[in-house]
PDB file of N, CA and C in Angstrom:
ATOM      1  N   UNK A   1      -3.521  -7.241 -11.298  1.00  0.00           N
ATOM      2  CA  UNK A   1      -2.844  -6.893 -10.055  1.00  0.00           C
ATOM      3  C   UNK A   1      -3.320  -7.873  -8.980  1.00  0.00           C
ATOM      4  N   UNK A   2      -2.380  -8.558  -8.395  1.00  0.00           N
ATOM      5  CA  UNK A   2      -2.659  -9.521  -7.331  1.00  0.00           C
ATOM      6  C   UNK A   2      -2.527  -8.814  -5.980  1.00  0.00           C
ATOM      7  N   UNK A   3      -3.438  -9.101  -5.056  1.00  0.00           N
ATOM      8  CA  UNK A   3      -3.381  -8.508  -3.719  1.00  0.00           C
ATOM      9  C   UNK A   3      -3.245  -9.627  -2.700  1.00  0.00           C
ATOM     10  N   UNK A   4      -2.184  -9.538  -1.901  1.00  0.00           N
ATOM     11  CA  UNK A   4      -1.905 -10.530  -0.860  1.00  0.00           C
ATOM     12  C   UNK A   4      -2.202  -9.882   0.483  1.00  0.00           C
ATOM     13  N   UNK A   5      -3.006 -10.528   1.303  1.00  0.00           N
ATOM     14  CA  UNK A   5      -3.521  -9.986   2.557  1.00  0.00           C
ATOM     15  C   UNK A   5      -2.896 -10.717   3.743  1.00  0.00           C
ATOM     16  N   UNK A   6      -2.294  -9.965   4.683  1.00  0.00           N
ATOM     17  CA  UNK A   6      -1.656 -10.543   5.870  1.00  0.00           C
ATOM     18  C   UNK A   6      -2.073  -9.767   7.117  1.00  0.00           C
ATOM     19  N   UNK A   7      -2.241 -10.485   8.232  1.00  0.00           N
ATOM     20  CA  UNK A   7      -2.516  -9.830   9.506  1.00  0.00           C
ATOM     21  C   UNK A   7      -1.578 -10.398  10.561  1.00  0.00           C
ATOM     22  N   UNK A   8      -1.378  -9.616  11.612  1.00  0.00           N
ATOM     23  CA  UNK A   8      -0.589 -10.153  12.731  1.00  0.00           C
ATOM     24  C   UNK A   8      -1.499 -10.982  13.627  1.00  0.00           C
ATOM     25  N   UNK A   9      -0.956 -11.527  14.692  1.00  0.00           N
ATOM     26  CA  UNK A   9      -1.726 -12.412  15.566  1.00  0.00           C
ATOM     27  C   UNK A   9      -2.777 -11.683  16.401  1.00  0.00           C
ATOM     28  N   UNK A  10      -2.765 -10.354  16.410  1.00  0.00           N
ATOM     29  CA  UNK A  10      -3.732  -9.574  17.176  1.00  0.00           C
ATOM     30  C   UNK A  10      -4.984  -9.217  16.376  1.00  0.00           C
ATOM     31  N   UNK A  11      -4.979  -9.499  15.089  1.00  0.00           N
ATOM     32  CA  UNK A  11      -6.101  -9.131  14.220  1.00  0.00           C
ATOM     33  C   UNK A  11      -6.695 -10.389  13.607  1.00  0.00           C
ATOM     34  N   UNK A  12      -7.994 -10.503  13.716  1.00  0.00           N
ATOM     35  CA  UNK A  12      -8.696 -11.625  13.116  1.00  0.00           C
ATOM     36  C   UNK A  12      -8.911 -11.310  11.636  1.00  0.00           C
ATOM     37  N   UNK A  13      -8.225 -12.036  10.775  1.00  0.00           N
ATOM     38  CA  UNK A  13      -8.270 -11.777   9.344  1.00  0.00           C
ATOM     39  C   UNK A  13      -9.437 -12.460   8.669  1.00  0.00           C
ATOM     40  N   UNK A  14     -10.658 -12.079   9.005  1.00  0.00           N
ATOM     41  CA  UNK A  14     -11.841 -12.720   8.437  1.00  0.00           C
ATOM     42  C   UNK A  14     -12.105 -12.248   7.007  1.00  0.00           C
ATOM     43  N   UNK A  15     -12.988 -12.954   6.312  1.00  0.00           N
ATOM     44  CA  UNK A  15     -13.262 -12.681   4.901  1.00  0.00           C
ATOM     45  C   UNK A  15     -13.806 -11.280   4.664  1.00  0.00           C
ATOM     46  N   UNK A  16     -14.620 -10.777   5.579  1.00  0.00           N
ATOM     47  CA  UNK A  16     -15.180  -9.437   5.423  1.00  0.00           C
ATOM     48  C   UNK A  16     -14.098  -8.365   5.422  1.00  0.00           C
ATOM     49  N   UNK A  17     -13.148  -8.499   6.327  1.00  0.00           N
ATOM     50  CA  UNK A  17     -12.039  -7.550   6.392  1.00  0.00           C
ATOM     51  C   UNK A  17     -11.182  -7.654   5.136  1.00  0.00           C
ATOM     52  N   UNK A  18     -10.873  -8.869   4.727  1.00  0.00           N
ATOM     53  CA  UNK A  18     -10.065  -9.072   3.519  1.00  0.00           C
ATOM     54  C   UNK A  18     -10.766  -8.491   2.293  1.00  0.00           C
ATOM     55  N   UNK A  19     -12.070  -8.680   2.188  1.00  0.00           N
ATOM     56  CA  UNK A  19     -12.825  -8.143   1.049  1.00  0.00           C
ATOM     57  C   UNK A  19     -12.814  -6.618   1.067  1.00  0.00           C
ATOM     58  N   UNK A  20     -12.984  -6.027   2.253  1.00  0.00           N
ATOM     59  CA  UNK A  20     -12.960  -4.562   2.363  1.00  0.00           C
ATOM     60  C   UNK A  20     -11.598  -4.010   1.954  1.00  0.00           C
ATOM     61  N   UNK A  21     -10.544  -4.585   2.509  1.00  0.00           N
ATOM     62  CA  UNK A  21      -9.188  -4.117   2.217  1.00  0.00           C
ATOM     63  C   UNK A  21      -8.880  -4.268   0.728  1.00  0.00           C
ATOM     64  N   UNK A  22      -9.218  -5.407   0.165  1.00  0.00           N
ATOM     65  CA  UNK A  22      -8.980  -5.642  -1.261  1.00  0.00           C
ATOM     66  C   UNK A  22      -9.723  -4.613  -2.102  1.00  0.00           C
ATOM     67  N   UNK A  23     -10.960  -4.331  -1.753  1.00  0.00           N
ATOM     68  CA  UNK A  23     -11.745  -3.341  -2.491  1.00  0.00           C
ATOM     69  C   UNK A  23     -11.146  -1.951  -2.419  1.00  0.00           C
ATOM     70  N   UNK A  24     -10.717  -1.545  -1.239  1.00  0.00           N
ATOM     71  CA  UNK A  24     -10.115  -0.217  -1.066  1.00  0.00           C
ATOM     72  C   UNK A  24      -8.833  -0.103  -1.889  1.00  0.00           C
ATOM     73  N   UNK A  25      -7.988  -1.119  -1.811  1.00  0.00           N
ATOM     74  CA  UNK A  25      -6.708  -1.096  -2.529  1.00  0.00           C
ATOM     75  C   UNK A  25      -6.942  -1.105  -4.046  1.00  0.00           C
ATOM     76  N   UNK A  26      -7.853  -1.957  -4.520  1.00  0.00           N
ATOM     77  CA  UNK A  26      -8.145  -2.008  -5.953  1.00  0.00           C
ATOM     78  C   UNK A  26      -8.692  -0.680  -6.452  1.00  0.00           C
ATOM     79  N   UNK A  27      -9.587  -0.077  -5.697  1.00  0.00           N
ATOM     80  CA  UNK A  27     -10.173   1.196  -6.098  1.00  0.00           C
ATOM     81  C   UNK A  27      -9.108   2.294  -6.141  1.00  0.00           C
ATOM     82  N   UNK A  28      -8.286   2.367  -5.096  1.00  0.00           N
ATOM     83  CA  UNK A  28      -7.266   3.414  -5.005  1.00  0.00           C
ATOM     84  C   UNK A  28      -6.229   3.310  -6.122  1.00  0.00           C
ATOM     85  N   UNK A  29      -5.885   2.078  -6.507  1.00  0.00           N
ATOM     86  CA  UNK A  29      -4.813   1.873  -7.483  1.00  0.00           C
ATOM     87  C   UNK A  29      -5.323   1.516  -8.877  1.00  0.00           C
ATOM     88  N   UNK A  30      -6.613   1.639  -9.119  1.00  0.00           N
ATOM     89  CA  UNK A  30      -7.217   1.186 -10.376  1.00  0.00           C
ATOM     90  C   UNK A  30      -6.538   1.784 -11.602  1.00  0.00           C
ATOM     91  N   UNK A  31      -6.322   3.085 -11.616  1.00  0.00           N
ATOM     92  CA  UNK A  31      -5.743   3.700 -12.815  1.00  0.00           C
ATOM     93  C   UNK A  31      -4.249   3.419 -12.969  1.00  0.00           C
ATOM     94  N   UNK A  32      -3.623   2.898 -11.927  1.00  0.00           N
ATOM     95  CA  UNK A  32      -2.198   2.575 -11.972  1.00  0.00           C
ATOM     96  C   UNK A  32      -1.951   1.070 -12.100  1.00  0.00           C
ATOM     97  N   UNK A  33      -3.012   0.285 -12.121  1.00  0.00           N
ATOM     98  CA  UNK A  33      -2.887  -1.171 -12.029  1.00  0.00           C
ATOM     99  C   UNK A  33      -2.102  -1.800 -13.176  1.00  0.00           C
ATOM    100  N   UNK A  34      -2.036  -1.150 -14.316  1.00  0.00           N
ATOM    101  CA  UNK A  34      -1.268  -1.697 -15.442  1.00  0.00           C
ATOM    102  C   UNK A  34       0.224  -1.764 -15.127  1.00  0.00           C
ATOM    103  N   UNK A  35       0.674  -0.964 -14.173  1.00  0.00           N
ATOM    104  CA  UNK A  35       2.091  -0.914 -13.816  1.00  0.00           C
ATOM    105  C   UNK A  35       2.421  -1.761 -12.592  1.00  0.00           C
ATOM    106  N   UNK A  36       1.394  -2.300 -11.926  1.00  0.00           N
ATOM    107  CA  UNK A  36       1.572  -3.004 -10.657  1.00  0.00           C
ATOM    108  C   UNK A  36       1.307  -4.495 -10.851  1.00  0.00           C
ATOM    109  N   UNK A  37       2.249  -5.329 -10.410  1.00  0.00           N
ATOM    110  CA  UNK A  37       2.031  -6.771 -10.511  1.00  0.00           C
ATOM    111  C   UNK A  37       1.403  -7.336  -9.243  1.00  0.00           C
ATOM    112  N   UNK A  38       1.822  -6.809  -8.080  1.00  0.00           N
ATOM    113  CA  UNK A  38       1.322  -7.348  -6.815  1.00  0.00           C
ATOM    114  C   UNK A  38       1.359  -6.271  -5.739  1.00  0.00           C
ATOM    115  N   UNK A  39       0.381  -6.336  -4.831  1.00  0.00           N
ATOM    116  CA  UNK A  39       0.361  -5.477  -3.650  1.00  0.00           C
ATOM    117  C   UNK A  39       0.246  -6.386  -2.436  1.00  0.00           C
ATOM    118  N   UNK A  40       1.139  -6.185  -1.483  1.00  0.00           N
ATOM    119  CA  UNK A  40       1.075  -6.922  -0.220  1.00  0.00           C
ATOM    120  C   UNK A  40       0.531  -5.991   0.851  1.00  0.00           C
ATOM    121  N   UNK A  41      -0.485  -6.463   1.570  1.00  0.00           N
ATOM    122  CA  UNK A  41      -1.121  -5.704   2.641  1.00  0.00           C
ATOM    123  C   UNK A  41      -0.759  -6.369   3.958  1.00  0.00           C
ATOM    124  N   UNK A  42      -0.228  -5.586   4.884  1.00  0.00           N
ATOM    125  CA  UNK A  42       0.121  -6.093   6.216  1.00  0.00           C
ATOM    126  C   UNK A  42      -0.607  -5.240   7.250  1.00  0.00           C
ATOM    127  N   UNK A  43      -1.544  -5.859   7.974  1.00  0.00           N
ATOM    128  CA  UNK A  43      -2.290  -5.157   9.018  1.00  0.00           C
ATOM    129  C   UNK A  43      -1.805  -5.624  10.378  1.00  0.00           C
ATOM    130  N   UNK A  44      -1.675  -4.666  11.296  1.00  0.00           N
ATOM    131  CA  UNK A  44      -1.261  -5.042  12.647  1.00  0.00           C
ATOM    132  C   UNK A  44      -1.871  -4.103  13.672  1.00  0.00           C
ATOM    133  N   UNK A  45      -2.001  -4.621  14.875  1.00  0.00           N
ATOM    134  CA  UNK A  45      -2.447  -3.850  16.029  1.00  0.00           C
ATOM    135  C   UNK A  45      -1.249  -3.797  16.963  1.00  0.00           C
ATOM    136  N   UNK A  46      -0.602  -2.662  17.006  1.00  0.00           N
ATOM    137  CA  UNK A  46       0.686  -2.564  17.695  1.00  0.00           C
ATOM    138  C   UNK A  46       0.598  -2.633  19.212  1.00  0.00           C
ATOM    139  N   UNK A  47      -0.584  -2.373  19.782  1.00  0.00           N
ATOM    140  CA  UNK A  47      -0.729  -2.441  21.239  1.00  0.00           C
ATOM    141  C   UNK A  47      -1.657  -3.564  21.658  1.00  0.00           C
ATOM    142  N   UNK A  48      -1.940  -4.469  20.791  1.00  0.00           N
ATOM    143  CA  UNK A  48      -2.812  -5.637  20.990  1.00  0.00           C
ATOM    144  C   UNK A  48      -4.087  -5.301  21.759  1.00  0.00           C
ATOM    145  N   UNK A  49      -4.241  -5.820  22.960  1.00  0.00           N
ATOM    146  CA  UNK A  49      -5.496  -5.649  23.688  1.00  0.00           C
ATOM    147  C   UNK A  49      -5.611  -4.308  24.406  1.00  0.00           C
ATOM    148  N   UNK A  50      -4.572  -3.519  24.455  1.00  0.00           N
ATOM    149  CA  UNK A  50      -4.641  -2.198  25.083  1.00  0.00           C
ATOM    150  C   UNK A  50      -5.347  -1.251  24.116  1.00  0.00           C
ATOM    151  N   UNK A  51      -6.170  -0.393  24.665  1.00  0.00           N
ATOM    152  CA  UNK A  51      -6.887   0.564  23.836  1.00  0.00           C
ATOM    153  C   UNK A  51      -6.054   1.831  23.727  1.00  0.00           C
ATOM    154  N   UNK A  52      -5.425   2.031  22.596  1.00  0.00           N
ATOM    155  CA  UNK A  52      -4.520   3.157  22.413  1.00  0.00           C
ATOM    156  C   UNK A  52      -4.882   3.908  21.135  1.00  0.00           C
ATOM    157  N   UNK A  53      -4.571   5.177  21.112  1.00  0.00           N
ATOM    158  CA  UNK A  53      -4.850   6.010  19.946  1.00  0.00           C
ATOM    159  C   UNK A  53      -3.826   5.727  18.847  1.00  0.00           C
ATOM    160  N   UNK A  54      -4.300   5.508  17.652  1.00  0.00           N
ATOM    161  CA  UNK A  54      -3.486   5.279  16.455  1.00  0.00           C
ATOM    162  C   UNK A  54      -2.544   4.085  16.591  1.00  0.00           C
ATOM    163  N   UNK A  55      -3.062   2.990  17.106  1.00  0.00           N
ATOM    164  CA  UNK A  55      -2.238   1.785  17.246  1.00  0.00           C
ATOM    165  C   UNK A  55      -2.470   0.775  16.128  1.00  0.00           C
ATOM    166  N   UNK A  56      -3.403   1.067  15.217  1.00  0.00           N
ATOM    167  CA  UNK A  56      -3.637   0.182  14.071  1.00  0.00           C
ATOM    168  C   UNK A  56      -2.718   0.620  12.936  1.00  0.00           C
ATOM    169  N   UNK A  57      -2.054  -0.347  12.326  1.00  0.00           N
ATOM    170  CA  UNK A  57      -1.046  -0.032  11.310  1.00  0.00           C
ATOM    171  C   UNK A  57      -1.354  -0.808  10.035  1.00  0.00           C
ATOM    172  N   UNK A  58      -1.258  -0.116   8.909  1.00  0.00           N
ATOM    173  CA  UNK A  58      -1.382  -0.756   7.604  1.00  0.00           C
ATOM    174  C   UNK A  58      -0.122  -0.436   6.811  1.00  0.00           C
ATOM    175  N   UNK A  59       0.559  -1.474   6.379  1.00  0.00           N
ATOM    176  CA  UNK A  59       1.719  -1.311   5.523  1.00  0.00           C
ATOM    177  C   UNK A  59       1.358  -1.923   4.173  1.00  0.00           C
ATOM    178  N   UNK A  60       1.527  -1.135   3.118  1.00  0.00           N
ATOM    179  CA  UNK A  60       1.279  -1.606   1.760  1.00  0.00           C
ATOM    180  C   UNK A  60       2.592  -1.598   0.990  1.00  0.00           C
ATOM    181  N   UNK A  61       2.847  -2.676   0.299  1.00  0.00           N
ATOM    182  CA  UNK A  61       4.047  -2.777  -0.535  1.00  0.00           C
ATOM    183  C   UNK A  61       3.606  -3.172  -1.940  1.00  0.00           C
ATOM    184  N   UNK A  62       3.910  -2.311  -2.903  1.00  0.00           N
ATOM    185  CA  UNK A  62       3.536  -2.574  -4.296  1.00  0.00           C
ATOM    186  C   UNK A  62       4.764  -2.988  -5.082  1.00  0.00           C
ATOM    187  N   UNK A  63       4.587  -3.999  -5.907  1.00  0.00           N
ATOM    188  CA  UNK A  63       5.639  -4.456  -6.809  1.00  0.00           C
ATOM    189  C   UNK A  63       5.309  -3.910  -8.196  1.00  0.00           C
ATOM    190  N   UNK A  64       6.198  -3.081  -8.702  1.00  0.00           N
ATOM    191  CA  UNK A  64       6.029  -2.502 -10.031  1.00  0.00           C
ATOM    192  C   UNK A  64       6.852  -3.288 -11.033  1.00  0.00           C
ATOM    193  N   UNK A  65       6.373  -3.351 -12.252  1.00  0.00           N
ATOM    194  CA  UNK A  65       7.088  -4.086 -13.295  1.00  0.00           C
ATOM    195  C   UNK A  65       8.486  -3.509 -13.492  1.00  0.00           C
ATOM    196  N   UNK A  66       9.498  -4.339 -13.290  1.00  0.00           N
ATOM    197  CA  UNK A  66      10.877  -3.942 -13.540  1.00  0.00           C
ATOM    198  C   UNK A  66      11.438  -2.901 -12.593  1.00  0.00           C
ATOM    199  N   UNK A  67      10.819  -2.693 -11.461  1.00  0.00           N
ATOM    200  CA  UNK A  67      11.258  -1.679 -10.505  1.00  0.00           C
ATOM    201  C   UNK A  67      11.318  -2.274  -9.101  1.00  0.00           C
ATOM    202  N   UNK A  68      12.076  -1.628  -8.223  1.00  0.00           N
ATOM    203  CA  UNK A  68      12.086  -2.073  -6.822  1.00  0.00           C
ATOM    204  C   UNK A  68      10.707  -1.854  -6.191  1.00  0.00           C
ATOM    205  N   UNK A  69      10.382  -2.583  -5.132  1.00  0.00           N
ATOM    206  CA  UNK A  69       9.092  -2.404  -4.472  1.00  0.00           C
ATOM    207  C   UNK A  69       8.953  -1.004  -3.875  1.00  0.00           C
ATOM    208  N   UNK A  70       7.712  -0.558  -3.769  1.00  0.00           N
ATOM    209  CA  UNK A  70       7.386   0.738  -3.174  1.00  0.00           C
ATOM    210  C   UNK A  70       6.529   0.444  -1.957  1.00  0.00           C
ATOM    211  N   UNK A  71       6.902   0.972  -0.791  1.00  0.00           N
ATOM    212  CA  UNK A  71       6.162   0.668   0.440  1.00  0.00           C
ATOM    213  C   UNK A  71       5.783   1.944   1.181  1.00  0.00           C
ATOM    214  N   UNK A  72       4.621   1.884   1.836  1.00  0.00           N
ATOM    215  CA  UNK A  72       4.151   2.980   2.682  1.00  0.00           C
ATOM    216  C   UNK A  72       3.515   2.377   3.934  1.00  0.00           C
ATOM    217  N   UNK A  73       3.441   3.187   4.987  1.00  0.00           N
ATOM    218  CA  UNK A  73       2.810   2.778   6.239  1.00  0.00           C
ATOM    219  C   UNK A  73       1.919   3.898   6.727  1.00  0.00           C
ATOM    220  N   UNK A  74       0.779   3.525   7.304  1.00  0.00           N
ATOM    221  CA  UNK A  74      -0.117   4.526   7.883  1.00  0.00           C
ATOM    222  C   UNK A  74      -0.675   3.987   9.189  1.00  0.00           C
ATOM    223  N   UNK A  75      -0.676   4.821  10.222  1.00  0.00           N
ATOM    224  CA  UNK A  75      -1.233   4.486  11.531  1.00  0.00           C
ATOM    225  C   UNK A  75      -2.553   5.239  11.721  1.00  0.00           C
ATOM    226  N   UNK A  76      -3.504   4.587  12.363  1.00  0.00           N
ATOM    227  CA  UNK A  76      -4.793   5.225  12.663  1.00  0.00           C
ATOM    228  C   UNK A  76      -5.424   4.535  13.864  1.00  0.00           C
ATOM    229  N   UNK A  77      -6.577   5.060  14.290  1.00  0.00           N
ATOM    230  CA  UNK A  77      -7.250   4.452  15.434  1.00  0.00           C
ATOM    231  C   UNK A  77      -8.148   3.280  15.040  1.00  0.00           C
ATOM    232  N   UNK A  78      -8.417   3.097  13.739  1.00  0.00           N
ATOM    233  CA  UNK A  78      -9.160   1.924  13.261  1.00  0.00           C
ATOM    234  C   UNK A  78      -8.434   1.320  12.059  1.00  0.00           C
ATOM    235  N   UNK A  79      -8.685   0.052  11.809  1.00  0.00           N
ATOM    236  CA  UNK A  79      -8.068  -0.601  10.651  1.00  0.00           C
ATOM    237  C   UNK A  79      -8.540   0.021   9.339  1.00  0.00           C
ATOM    238  N   UNK A  80      -9.820   0.364   9.278  1.00  0.00           N
ATOM    239  CA  UNK A  80     -10.362   0.941   8.051  1.00  0.00           C
ATOM    240  C   UNK A  80      -9.676   2.266   7.715  1.00  0.00           C
ATOM    241  N   UNK A  81      -9.479   3.104   8.720  1.00  0.00           N
ATOM    242  CA  UNK A  81      -8.787   4.381   8.501  1.00  0.00           C
ATOM    243  C   UNK A  81      -7.329   4.152   8.132  1.00  0.00           C
ATOM    244  N   UNK A  82      -6.696   3.170   8.738  1.00  0.00           N
ATOM    245  CA  UNK A  82      -5.296   2.862   8.429  1.00  0.00           C
ATOM    246  C   UNK A  82      -5.161   2.401   6.975  1.00  0.00           C
ATOM    247  N   UNK A  83      -6.080   1.561   6.520  1.00  0.00           N
ATOM    248  CA  UNK A  83      -6.046   1.073   5.136  1.00  0.00           C
ATOM    249  C   UNK A  83      -6.290   2.225   4.170  1.00  0.00           C
ATOM    250  N   UNK A  84      -7.303   3.051   4.457  1.00  0.00           N
ATOM    251  CA  UNK A  84      -7.600   4.196   3.586  1.00  0.00           C
ATOM    252  C   UNK A  84      -6.396   5.129   3.473  1.00  0.00           C
ATOM    253  N   UNK A  85      -5.773   5.434   4.610  1.00  0.00           N
ATOM    254  CA  UNK A  85      -4.619   6.337   4.609  1.00  0.00           C
ATOM    255  C   UNK A  85      -3.434   5.750   3.854  1.00  0.00           C
ATOM    256  N   UNK A  86      -3.174   4.468   4.057  1.00  0.00           N
ATOM    257  CA  UNK A  86      -2.053   3.820   3.365  1.00  0.00           C
ATOM    258  C   UNK A  86      -2.314   3.745   1.862  1.00  0.00           C
ATOM    259  N   UNK A  87      -3.552   3.460   1.475  1.00  0.00           N
ATOM    260  CA  UNK A  87      -3.889   3.390   0.050  1.00  0.00           C
ATOM    261  C   UNK A  87      -3.699   4.747  -0.626  1.00  0.00           C
ATOM    262  N   UNK A  88      -4.096   5.820   0.059  1.00  0.00           N
ATOM    263  CA  UNK A  88      -3.887   7.167  -0.484  1.00  0.00           C
ATOM    264  C   UNK A  88      -2.397   7.474  -0.630  1.00  0.00           C
ATOM    265  N   UNK A  89      -1.625   7.148   0.400  1.00  0.00           N
ATOM    266  CA  UNK A  89      -0.177   7.386   0.349  1.00  0.00           C
ATOM    267  C   UNK A  89       0.478   6.602  -0.780  1.00  0.00           C
ATOM    268  N   UNK A  90       0.097   5.338  -0.931  1.00  0.00           N
ATOM    269  CA  UNK A  90       0.701   4.499  -1.962  1.00  0.00           C
ATOM    270  C   UNK A  90       0.353   5.016  -3.356  1.00  0.00           C
ATOM    271  N   UNK A  91      -0.880   5.435  -3.550  1.00  0.00           N
ATOM    272  CA  UNK A  91      -1.290   5.990  -4.843  1.00  0.00           C
ATOM    273  C   UNK A  91      -0.445   7.207  -5.196  1.00  0.00           C
ATOM    274  N   UNK A  92      -0.293   8.120  -4.250  1.00  0.00           N
ATOM    275  CA  UNK A  92       0.516   9.324  -4.505  1.00  0.00           C
ATOM    276  C   UNK A  92       1.975   8.970  -4.783  1.00  0.00           C
ATOM    277  N   UNK A  93       2.510   8.023  -4.023  1.00  0.00           N
ATOM    278  CA  UNK A  93       3.916   7.650  -4.185  1.00  0.00           C
ATOM    279  C   UNK A  93       4.179   7.013  -5.546  1.00  0.00           C
ATOM    280  N   UNK A  94       3.304   6.102  -5.960  1.00  0.00           N
ATOM    281  CA  UNK A  94       3.474   5.452  -7.266  1.00  0.00           C
ATOM    282  C   UNK A  94       3.257   6.465  -8.382  1.00  0.00           C
ATOM    283  N   UNK A  95       2.269   7.318  -8.229  1.00  0.00           N
ATOM    284  CA  UNK A  95       2.008   8.361  -9.222  1.00  0.00           C
ATOM    285  C   UNK A  95       3.242   9.247  -9.405  1.00  0.00           C
ATOM    286  N   UNK A  96       3.830   9.686  -8.295  1.00  0.00           N
ATOM    287  CA  UNK A  96       5.042  10.511  -8.359  1.00  0.00           C
ATOM    288  C   UNK A  96       6.180   9.770  -9.053  1.00  0.00           C
ATOM    289  N   UNK A  97       6.369   8.504  -8.705  1.00  0.00           N
ATOM    290  CA  UNK A  97       7.431   7.702  -9.303  1.00  0.00           C
ATOM    291  C   UNK A  97       7.235   7.561 -10.815  1.00  0.00           C
ATOM    292  N   UNK A  98       6.019   7.268 -11.224  1.00  0.00           N
ATOM    293  CA  UNK A  98       5.747   7.102 -12.657  1.00  0.00           C
ATOM    294  C   UNK A  98       5.924   8.418 -13.420  1.00  0.00           C
ATOM    295  N   UNK A  99       5.559   9.531 -12.793  1.00  0.00           N
ATOM    296  CA  UNK A  99       5.781  10.829 -13.435  1.00  0.00           C
ATOM    297  C   UNK A  99       7.279  11.106 -13.602  1.00  0.00           C
ATOM    298  N   UNK A 100       8.049  10.790 -12.566  1.00  0.00           N
ATOM    299  CA  UNK A 100       9.499  10.980 -12.655  1.00  0.00           C
ATOM    300  C   UNK A 100      10.096  10.105 -13.753  1.00  0.00           C
ATOM    301  N   UNK A 101       9.654   8.856 -13.830  1.00  0.00           N
ATOM    302  CA  UNK A 101      10.146   7.955 -14.866  1.00  0.00           C
ATOM    303  C   UNK A 101       9.787   8.475 -16.254  1.00  0.00           C
ATOM    304  N   UNK A 102       8.576   8.968 -16.400  1.00  0.00           N
ATOM    305  CA  UNK A 102       8.143   9.514 -17.689  1.00  0.00           C
ATOM    306  C   UNK A 102       8.969  10.740 -18.060  1.00  0.00           C
ATOM    307  N   UNK A 103       9.190  11.628 -17.084  1.00  0.00           N
ATOM    308  CA  UNK A 103      10.003  12.820 -17.339  1.00  0.00           C
ATOM    309  C   UNK A 103      11.423  12.441 -17.736  1.00  0.00           C
ATOM    310  N   UNK A 104      11.975  11.432 -17.073  1.00  0.00           N
ATOM    311  CA  UNK A 104      13.330  10.997 -17.394  1.00  0.00           C
ATOM    312  C   UNK A 104      13.392  10.418 -18.799  1.00  0.00           C
ATOM    313  N   UNK A 105      12.382   9.655 -19.186  1.00  0.00           N
ATOM    314  CA  UNK A 105      12.341   9.074 -20.529  1.00  0.00           C
ATOM    315  C   UNK A 105      12.249  10.151 -21.596  1.00  0.00           C
ATOM    316  N   UNK A 106      11.406  11.144 -21.357  1.00  0.00           N
ATOM    317  CA  UNK A 106      11.230  12.183 -22.370  1.00  0.00           C
ATOM    318  C   UNK A 106      12.465  13.066 -22.492  1.00  0.00           C
ATOM    319  N   UNK A 107      13.224  13.204 -21.416  1.00  0.00           N
ATOM    320  CA  UNK A 107      14.466  13.972 -21.474  1.00  0.00           C
ATOM    321  C   UNK A 107      15.654  13.113 -21.875  1.00  0.00           C
ATOM    322  N   UNK A 108      15.485  11.798 -21.760  1.00  0.00           N
ATOM    323  CA  UNK A 108      16.581  10.896 -22.121  1.00  0.00           C
ATOM    324  C   UNK A 108      17.597  10.690 -21.019  1.00  0.00           C
ATOM    325  N   UNK A 109      17.289  11.149 -19.807  1.00  0.00           N
ATOM    326  CA  UNK A 109      18.199  10.971 -18.672  1.00  0.00           C
ATOM    327  C   UNK A 109      18.027   9.583 -18.077  1.00  0.00           C
ATOM    328  N   UNK A 110      19.050   9.127 -17.424  1.00  0.00           N
ATOM    329  CA  UNK A 110      18.958   7.859 -16.696  1.00  0.00           C
ATOM    330  C   UNK A 110      18.451   8.165 -15.289  1.00  0.00           C
ATOM    331  N   UNK A 111      17.473   7.411 -14.845  1.00  0.00           N
ATOM    332  CA  UNK A 111      16.928   7.606 -13.505  1.00  0.00           C
ATOM    333  C   UNK A 111      17.549   6.587 -12.561  1.00  0.00           C
ATOM    334  N   UNK A 112      18.074   7.093 -11.462  1.00  0.00           N
ATOM    335  CA  UNK A 112      18.630   6.226 -10.428  1.00  0.00           C
ATOM    336  C   UNK A 112      17.640   6.198  -9.282  1.00  0.00           C
ATOM    337  N   UNK A 113      17.068   5.034  -9.026  1.00  0.00           N
ATOM    338  CA  UNK A 113      16.097   4.898  -7.950  1.00  0.00           C
ATOM    339  C   UNK A 113      16.784   4.522  -6.657  1.00  0.00           C
ATOM    340  N   UNK A 114      16.291   5.084  -5.550  1.00  0.00           N
ATOM    341  CA  UNK A 114      16.876   4.701  -4.248  1.00  0.00           C
ATOM    342  C   UNK A 114      16.535   3.261  -3.933  1.00  0.00           C
ATOM    343  N   UNK A 115      17.429   2.592  -3.263  1.00  0.00           N
ATOM    344  CA  UNK A 115      17.222   1.189  -2.870  1.00  0.00           C
ATOM    345  C   UNK A 115      16.347   1.115  -1.658  1.00  0.00           C
TER     346      UNK A 115
END
């Protein structure tokens, strides 16, 4: 599973932050990694230099083998909390999707995924 790290112009994307984010994402998605080819991480500070509650945003987009991308977003007051929340959301979303796909296969139904 490849992890691509991106920040907006308001966030300094230093190696420590990238290592932390990569570790959180890898840990959260470890048991699902066989189904994931790439995860894109997008961090942003929506209010830049203004000090605002829940202005840090983490958007994660996972590319699954043979499936459309799955994306989630989480807002928090710190980048670390935003990454943790987005990683949890993405894990649940992919888990749900894979369960639905498995159920469809075992029943023999065709699954239509939303675009």
